Amino acid sequence: MLTSCAAAGGTILIIGSSGGVVQIEILKFDFMWYVKNISRFALLGYISGIITLILLH
């Protein structure tokens, strides 16, 4: 659970991971565009992963 939360949590806000920072630079994303359009899907996946881990144990 800890590993899953640490790995996936950084994608909710793109600046939470080094890969996200590189993605902003390469693809020229605007931070607020990412928050408005992508963060909700990352949060949904994050919560789904936690629920799946709880159900498996």
PDB file of N, CA and C in Angstrom:
ATOM      1  N   MET A   1       0.833  -1.187   0.000  1.00  0.00           N
ATOM      2  CA  MET A   1       0.000   0.000   0.000  1.00  0.00           C
ATOM      3  C   MET A   1       0.876   1.249   0.000  1.00  0.00           C
ATOM      4  N   LEU A   2       1.902   1.233   0.829  1.00  0.00           N
ATOM      5  CA  LEU A   2       2.782   2.396   0.910  1.00  0.00           C
ATOM      6  C   LEU A   2       3.467   2.670  -0.424  1.00  0.00           C
ATOM      7  N   THR A   3       3.941   1.623  -1.071  1.00  0.00           N
ATOM      8  CA  THR A   3       4.605   1.778  -2.367  1.00  0.00           C
ATOM      9  C   THR A   3       3.640   2.299  -3.421  1.00  0.00           C
ATOM     10  N   SER A   4       2.444   1.759  -3.426  1.00  0.00           N
ATOM     11  CA  SER A   4       1.438   2.206  -4.394  1.00  0.00           C
ATOM     12  C   SER A   4       1.085   3.673  -4.186  1.00  0.00           C
ATOM     13  N   CYS A   5       0.879   4.070  -2.951  1.00  0.00           N
ATOM     14  CA  CYS A   5       0.527   5.463  -2.661  1.00  0.00           C
ATOM     15  C   CYS A   5       1.666   6.411  -3.013  1.00  0.00           C
ATOM     16  N   ALA A   6       2.884   6.005  -2.716  1.00  0.00           N
ATOM     17  CA  ALA A   6       4.028   6.866  -3.016  1.00  0.00           C
ATOM     18  C   ALA A   6       4.239   7.006  -4.520  1.00  0.00           C
ATOM     19  N   ALA A   7       4.056   5.921  -5.251  1.00  0.00           N
ATOM     20  CA  ALA A   7       4.280   5.956  -6.696  1.00  0.00           C
ATOM     21  C   ALA A   7       3.166   6.690  -7.435  1.00  0.00           C
ATOM     22  N   ALA A   8       1.935   6.432  -7.069  1.00  0.00           N
ATOM     23  CA  ALA A   8       0.808   7.023  -7.785  1.00  0.00           C
ATOM     24  C   ALA A   8       0.469   8.426  -7.298  1.00  0.00           C
ATOM     25  N   GLY A   9       0.775   8.736  -6.068  1.00  0.00           N
ATOM     26  CA  GLY A   9       0.425  10.036  -5.518  1.00  0.00           C
ATOM     27  C   GLY A   9       1.088  11.196  -6.235  1.00  0.00           C
ATOM     28  N   GLY A  10       2.269  10.976  -6.756  1.00  0.00           N
ATOM     29  CA  GLY A  10       2.971  12.037  -7.464  1.00  0.00           C
ATOM     30  C   GLY A  10       2.345  12.417  -8.790  1.00  0.00           C
ATOM     31  N   THR A  11       1.489  11.556  -9.324  1.00  0.00           N
ATOM     32  CA  THR A  11       0.881  11.873 -10.608  1.00  0.00           C
ATOM     33  C   THR A  11      -0.375  12.725 -10.485  1.00  0.00           C
ATOM     34  N   ILE A  12      -0.915  12.815  -9.294  1.00  0.00           N
ATOM     35  CA  ILE A  12      -2.112  13.645  -9.126  1.00  0.00           C
ATOM     36  C   ILE A  12      -1.759  15.104  -9.399  1.00  0.00           C
ATOM     37  N   LEU A  13      -0.678  15.559  -8.820  1.00  0.00           N
ATOM     38  CA  LEU A  13      -0.119  16.860  -9.180  1.00  0.00           C
ATOM     39  C   LEU A  13       1.163  16.573  -9.936  1.00  0.00           C
ATOM     40  N   ILE A  14       1.236  16.990 -11.160  1.00  0.00           N
ATOM     41  CA  ILE A  14       2.332  16.598 -12.044  1.00  0.00           C
ATOM     42  C   ILE A  14       3.701  16.984 -11.501  1.00  0.00           C
ATOM     43  N   ILE A  15       3.764  17.983 -10.651  1.00  0.00           N
ATOM     44  CA  ILE A  15       5.063  18.381 -10.103  1.00  0.00           C
ATOM     45  C   ILE A  15       5.485  17.496  -8.933  1.00  0.00           C
ATOM     46  N   GLY A  16       4.654  16.504  -8.587  1.00  0.00           N
ATOM     47  CA  GLY A  16       4.974  15.606  -7.492  1.00  0.00           C
ATOM     48  C   GLY A  16       5.970  14.522  -7.850  1.00  0.00           C
ATOM     49  N   SER A  17       6.306  14.404  -9.123  1.00  0.00           N
ATOM     50  CA  SER A  17       7.285  13.401  -9.534  1.00  0.00           C
ATOM     51  C   SER A  17       8.267  14.021 -10.516  1.00  0.00           C
ATOM     52  N   SER A  18       9.469  13.490 -10.531  1.00  0.00           N
ATOM     53  CA  SER A  18      10.469  14.034 -11.460  1.00  0.00           C
ATOM     54  C   SER A  18      10.068  13.772 -12.906  1.00  0.00           C
ATOM     55  N   GLY A  19       9.414  12.638 -13.150  1.00  0.00           N
ATOM     56  CA  GLY A  19       8.922  12.357 -14.505  1.00  0.00           C
ATOM     57  C   GLY A  19       7.872  13.367 -14.949  1.00  0.00           C
ATOM     58  N   GLY A  20       7.069  13.826 -14.018  1.00  0.00           N
ATOM     59  CA  GLY A  20       6.056  14.832 -14.326  1.00  0.00           C
ATOM     60  C   GLY A  20       6.669  16.168 -14.698  1.00  0.00           C
ATOM     61  N   VAL A  21       7.721  16.539 -14.003  1.00  0.00           N
ATOM     62  CA  VAL A  21       8.402  17.794 -14.314  1.00  0.00           C
ATOM     63  C   VAL A  21       9.011  17.731 -15.711  1.00  0.00           C
ATOM     64  N   VAL A  22       9.605  16.594 -16.049  1.00  0.00           N
ATOM     65  CA  VAL A  22      10.171  16.414 -17.394  1.00  0.00           C
ATOM     66  C   VAL A  22       9.065  16.464 -18.444  1.00  0.00           C
ATOM     67  N   GLN A  23       7.925  15.863 -18.149  1.00  0.00           N
ATOM     68  CA  GLN A  23       6.798  15.875 -19.085  1.00  0.00           C
ATOM     69  C   GLN A  23       6.323  17.301 -19.351  1.00  0.00           C
ATOM     70  N   ILE A  24       6.257  18.130 -18.317  1.00  0.00           N
ATOM     71  CA  ILE A  24       5.871  19.528 -18.505  1.00  0.00           C
ATOM     72  C   ILE A  24       6.838  20.215 -19.462  1.00  0.00           C
ATOM     73  N   GLU A  25       8.123  19.975 -19.267  1.00  0.00           N
ATOM     74  CA  GLU A  25       9.137  20.629 -20.097  1.00  0.00           C
ATOM     75  C   GLU A  25       9.105  20.139 -21.546  1.00  0.00           C
ATOM     76  N   ILE A  26       9.000  18.837 -21.738  1.00  0.00           N
ATOM     77  CA  ILE A  26       9.047  18.277 -23.095  1.00  0.00           C
ATOM     78  C   ILE A  26       7.771  18.611 -23.872  1.00  0.00           C
ATOM     79  N   LEU A  27       6.625  18.413 -23.260  1.00  0.00           N
ATOM     80  CA  LEU A  27       5.353  18.608 -23.958  1.00  0.00           C
ATOM     81  C   LEU A  27       4.788  20.014 -23.807  1.00  0.00           C
ATOM     82  N   LYS A  28       5.471  20.861 -23.045  1.00  0.00           N
ATOM     83  CA  LYS A  28       5.071  22.257 -22.837  1.00  0.00           C
ATOM     84  C   LYS A  28       3.660  22.370 -22.245  1.00  0.00           C
ATOM     85  N   PHE A  29       3.381  21.505 -21.267  1.00  0.00           N
ATOM     86  CA  PHE A  29       2.115  21.583 -20.560  1.00  0.00           C
ATOM     87  C   PHE A  29       2.126  22.790 -19.649  1.00  0.00           C
ATOM     88  N   ASP A  30       0.967  23.374 -19.460  1.00  0.00           N
ATOM     89  CA  ASP A  30       0.775  24.393 -18.449  1.00  0.00           C
ATOM     90  C   ASP A  30       0.273  23.681 -17.198  1.00  0.00           C
ATOM     91  N   PHE A  31       0.796  24.035 -16.052  1.00  0.00           N
ATOM     92  CA  PHE A  31       0.422  23.359 -14.810  1.00  0.00           C
ATOM     93  C   PHE A  31      -1.082  23.415 -14.565  1.00  0.00           C
ATOM     94  N   MET A  32      -1.697  24.569 -14.739  1.00  0.00           N
ATOM     95  CA  MET A  32      -3.135  24.697 -14.484  1.00  0.00           C
ATOM     96  C   MET A  32      -3.959  23.890 -15.479  1.00  0.00           C
ATOM     97  N   TRP A  33      -3.484  23.761 -16.724  1.00  0.00           N
ATOM     98  CA  TRP A  33      -4.181  22.918 -17.702  1.00  0.00           C
ATOM     99  C   TRP A  33      -4.178  21.482 -17.212  1.00  0.00           C
ATOM    100  N   TYR A  34      -3.043  21.030 -16.703  1.00  0.00           N
ATOM    101  CA  TYR A  34      -2.942  19.661 -16.187  1.00  0.00           C
ATOM    102  C   TYR A  34      -3.888  19.464 -15.005  1.00  0.00           C
ATOM    103  N   VAL A  35      -3.914  20.420 -14.103  1.00  0.00           N
ATOM    104  CA  VAL A  35      -4.782  20.302 -12.928  1.00  0.00           C
ATOM    105  C   VAL A  35      -6.247  20.222 -13.354  1.00  0.00           C
ATOM    106  N   LYS A  36      -6.661  21.039 -14.291  1.00  0.00           N
ATOM    107  CA  LYS A  36      -8.056  21.074 -14.732  1.00  0.00           C
ATOM    108  C   LYS A  36      -8.449  19.849 -15.544  1.00  0.00           C
ATOM    109  N   ASN A  37      -7.548  19.328 -16.378  1.00  0.00           N
ATOM    110  CA  ASN A  37      -7.928  18.289 -17.328  1.00  0.00           C
ATOM    111  C   ASN A  37      -7.461  16.870 -16.998  1.00  0.00           C
ATOM    112  N   ILE A  38      -6.417  16.716 -16.247  1.00  0.00           N
ATOM    113  CA  ILE A  38      -5.840  15.394 -16.038  1.00  0.00           C
ATOM    114  C   ILE A  38      -5.885  14.944 -14.581  1.00  0.00           C
ATOM    115  N   SER A  39      -5.729  15.843 -13.647  1.00  0.00           N
ATOM    116  CA  SER A  39      -5.611  15.464 -12.231  1.00  0.00           C
ATOM    117  C   SER A  39      -6.791  14.643 -11.727  1.00  0.00           C
ATOM    118  N   ARG A  40      -7.979  14.935 -12.180  1.00  0.00           N
ATOM    119  CA  ARG A  40      -9.142  14.166 -11.689  1.00  0.00           C
ATOM    120  C   ARG A  40      -9.062  12.705 -12.101  1.00  0.00           C
ATOM    121  N   PHE A  41      -8.520  12.430 -13.302  1.00  0.00           N
ATOM    122  CA  PHE A  41      -8.369  11.046 -13.735  1.00  0.00           C
ATOM    123  C   PHE A  41      -7.266  10.346 -12.955  1.00  0.00           C
ATOM    124  N   ALA A  42      -6.197  11.070 -12.655  1.00  0.00           N
ATOM    125  CA  ALA A  42      -5.123  10.506 -11.833  1.00  0.00           C
ATOM    126  C   ALA A  42      -5.634  10.213 -10.425  1.00  0.00           C
ATOM    127  N   LEU A  43      -6.449  11.101  -9.879  1.00  0.00           N
ATOM    128  CA  LEU A  43      -7.026  10.882  -8.550  1.00  0.00           C
ATOM    129  C   LEU A  43      -7.966   9.678  -8.560  1.00  0.00           C
ATOM    130  N   LEU A  44      -8.755   9.529  -9.595  1.00  0.00           N
ATOM    131  CA  LEU A  44      -9.650   8.386  -9.720  1.00  0.00           C
ATOM    132  C   LEU A  44      -8.857   7.079  -9.763  1.00  0.00           C
ATOM    133  N   GLY A  45      -7.777   7.049 -10.523  1.00  0.00           N
ATOM    134  CA  GLY A  45      -6.932   5.863 -10.576  1.00  0.00           C
ATOM    135  C   GLY A  45      -6.257   5.577  -9.246  1.00  0.00           C
ATOM    136  N   TYR A  46      -5.857   6.622  -8.561  1.00  0.00           N
ATOM    137  CA  TYR A  46      -5.218   6.507  -7.248  1.00  0.00           C
ATOM    138  C   TYR A  46      -6.185   5.871  -6.249  1.00  0.00           C
ATOM    139  N   ILE A  47      -7.389   6.383  -6.199  1.00  0.00           N
ATOM    140  CA  ILE A  47      -8.398   5.855  -5.280  1.00  0.00           C
ATOM    141  C   ILE A  47      -8.786   4.431  -5.662  1.00  0.00           C
ATOM    142  N   SER A  48      -8.918   4.164  -6.952  1.00  0.00           N
ATOM    143  CA  SER A  48      -9.248   2.808  -7.414  1.00  0.00           C
ATOM    144  C   SER A  48      -8.160   1.816  -7.016  1.00  0.00           C
ATOM    145  N   GLY A  49      -6.913   2.226  -7.115  1.00  0.00           N
ATOM    146  CA  GLY A  49      -5.818   1.360  -6.709  1.00  0.00           C
ATOM    147  C   GLY A  49      -5.834   1.040  -5.236  1.00  0.00           C
ATOM    148  N   ILE A  50      -6.141   2.027  -4.409  1.00  0.00           N
ATOM    149  CA  ILE A  50      -6.226   1.810  -2.963  1.00  0.00           C
ATOM    150  C   ILE A  50      -7.368   0.854  -2.640  1.00  0.00           C
ATOM    151  N   ILE A  51      -8.508   1.075  -3.263  1.00  0.00           N
ATOM    152  CA  ILE A  51      -9.660   0.189  -3.025  1.00  0.00           C
ATOM    153  C   ILE A  51      -9.339  -1.245  -3.455  1.00  0.00           C
ATOM    154  N   THR A  52      -8.680  -1.388  -4.594  1.00  0.00           N
ATOM    155  CA  THR A  52      -8.306  -2.730  -5.077  1.00  0.00           C
ATOM    156  C   THR A  52      -7.360  -3.415  -4.097  1.00  0.00           C
ATOM    157  N   LEU A  53      -6.370  -2.691  -3.600  1.00  0.00           N
ATOM    158  CA  LEU A  53      -5.448  -3.289  -2.627  1.00  0.00           C
ATOM    159  C   LEU A  53      -6.164  -3.690  -1.346  1.00  0.00           C
ATOM    160  N   ILE A  54      -7.103  -2.877  -0.905  1.00  0.00           N
ATOM    161  CA  ILE A  54      -7.864  -3.213   0.313  1.00  0.00           C
ATOM    162  C   ILE A  54      -8.697  -4.468   0.071  1.00  0.00           C
ATOM    163  N   LEU A  55      -9.334  -4.555  -1.081  1.00  0.00           N
ATOM    164  CA  LEU A  55     -10.178  -5.725  -1.381  1.00  0.00           C
ATOM    165  C   LEU A  55      -9.363  -6.999  -1.544  1.00  0.00           C
ATOM    166  N   LEU A  56      -8.140  -6.877  -2.032  1.00  0.00           N
ATOM    167  CA  LEU A  56      -7.295  -8.058  -2.209  1.00  0.00           C
ATOM    168  C   LEU A  56      -6.768  -8.600  -0.882  1.00  0.00           C
ATOM    169  N   HIS A  57      -6.702  -7.763   0.122  1.00  0.00           N
ATOM    170  CA  HIS A  57      -6.217  -8.224   1.427  1.00  0.00           C
ATOM    171  C   HIS A  57      -7.384  -8.387   2.324  1.00  0.00           C
TER     172      HIS A  57
END
